């Protein structure tokens, strides 16, 4: 039998709304960034399932040098993407 009493688990309706705000259900999954080494534009994939704030290494598709990618998702699903040199 499933207990439907929200308060016993700490999941009141208000808390659910705070933890999982309603939106249109879309989040950016790709971005165009400029390589900080060669200046070429690269299309990169974004993974909204990895959290609101992300940091990882990715290689340029043209010159193959590694960059540090920082992604910050906003509440509306838009992503702010920053690419910096990995040697800085």
Protein backbone atom coordinates (compact mmCIF):
# COMPACT_ATOMS: atom_id res chain seq x y z
CA UNK A 1 0.00 0.00 0.00
CA UNK A 2 1.30 3.46 -0.90
CA UNK A 3 0.99 6.17 1.71
CA UNK A 4 -0.18 9.39 0.07
CA UNK A 5 0.49 11.63 3.08
CA UNK A 6 2.88 14.25 1.65
CA UNK A 7 3.97 15.64 5.02
CA UNK A 8 5.43 12.36 6.32
CA UNK A 9 8.04 12.36 3.54
CA UNK A 10 8.52 16.13 3.67
CA UNK A 11 7.11 16.59 0.16
CA UNK A 12 4.31 19.10 0.57
CA UNK A 13 2.74 20.63 -2.54
CA UNK A 14 4.60 23.87 -1.82
CA UNK A 15 7.96 22.10 -1.60
CA UNK A 16 7.35 20.20 -4.83
CA UNK A 17 6.55 23.50 -6.60
CA UNK A 18 9.77 25.03 -5.22
CA UNK A 19 11.97 22.06 -6.16
CA UNK A 20 10.40 21.49 -9.57
CA UNK A 21 9.07 24.81 -10.90
CA UNK A 22 6.68 24.72 -13.80
CA UNK A 23 8.05 25.78 -17.14
CA UNK A 24 7.64 24.91 -20.77
CA UNK A 25 9.82 21.82 -20.32
CA UNK A 26 12.49 22.91 -22.77
CA UNK A 27 16.17 23.48 -22.16
CA UNK A 28 18.92 24.35 -24.60
CA UNK A 29 20.82 21.29 -25.77
CA UNK A 30 23.34 22.87 -28.14
CA UNK A 31 25.41 26.01 -28.36
CA UNK A 32 27.80 27.68 -30.78
CA UNK A 33 31.07 28.76 -29.18
CA UNK A 34 34.31 30.27 -30.45
CA UNK A 35 37.53 28.38 -29.79
CA UNK A 36 39.76 30.50 -27.53
CA UNK A 37 42.83 29.25 -29.44
CA UNK A 38 42.06 29.26 -33.17
CA UNK A 39 38.90 31.40 -33.21
CA UNK A 40 36.81 28.89 -35.17
CA UNK A 41 33.14 28.48 -34.27
CA UNK A 42 32.21 25.05 -32.90
CA UNK A 43 28.80 23.57 -32.20
CA UNK A 44 28.74 21.74 -28.87
CA UNK A 45 26.09 19.59 -27.22
CA UNK A 46 24.73 20.59 -23.84
CA UNK A 47 23.28 18.19 -21.28
CA UNK A 48 20.63 19.83 -19.09
CA UNK A 49 20.37 16.59 -17.10
CA UNK A 50 23.85 17.15 -15.68
CA UNK A 51 22.72 20.00 -13.45
CA UNK A 52 22.21 23.74 -13.45
CA UNK A 53 25.94 24.53 -13.10
CA UNK A 54 28.44 22.47 -15.06
CA UNK A 55 32.15 22.58 -15.82
CA UNK A 56 33.97 20.14 -18.10
CA UNK A 57 36.73 19.87 -20.71
CA UNK A 58 36.03 19.64 -24.43
CA UNK A 59 38.33 19.69 -27.47
CA UNK A 60 38.08 22.09 -30.40
CA UNK A 61 36.71 20.33 -33.47
CA UNK A 62 39.21 22.23 -35.66
CA UNK A 63 42.54 22.62 -33.81
CA UNK A 64 41.97 19.80 -31.25
CA UNK A 65 43.12 21.89 -28.28
CA UNK A 66 41.24 21.42 -25.01
CA UNK A 67 39.07 24.13 -23.47
CA UNK A 68 37.21 24.44 -20.22
CA UNK A 69 33.45 24.75 -20.79
CA UNK A 70 31.23 26.32 -18.13
CA UNK A 71 27.48 26.03 -18.50
CA UNK A 72 24.89 27.67 -16.26
CA UNK A 73 21.22 26.94 -16.90
CA UNK A 74 18.66 29.60 -16.07
CA UNK A 75 15.19 28.80 -14.71
CA UNK A 76 13.68 29.26 -18.18
CA UNK A 77 15.95 26.57 -19.68
CA UNK A 78 18.30 28.96 -21.45
CA UNK A 79 22.00 28.27 -21.05
CA UNK A 80 24.88 30.67 -20.49
CA UNK A 81 27.98 29.03 -21.98
CA UNK A 82 31.54 30.21 -21.40
CA UNK A 83 34.61 28.68 -23.05
CA UNK A 84 38.10 29.45 -21.75
CA UNK A 85 41.59 28.19 -22.48
CA UNK A 86 42.50 25.13 -20.44
CA UNK A 87 46.07 26.37 -19.98
CA UNK A 88 45.09 29.64 -18.28
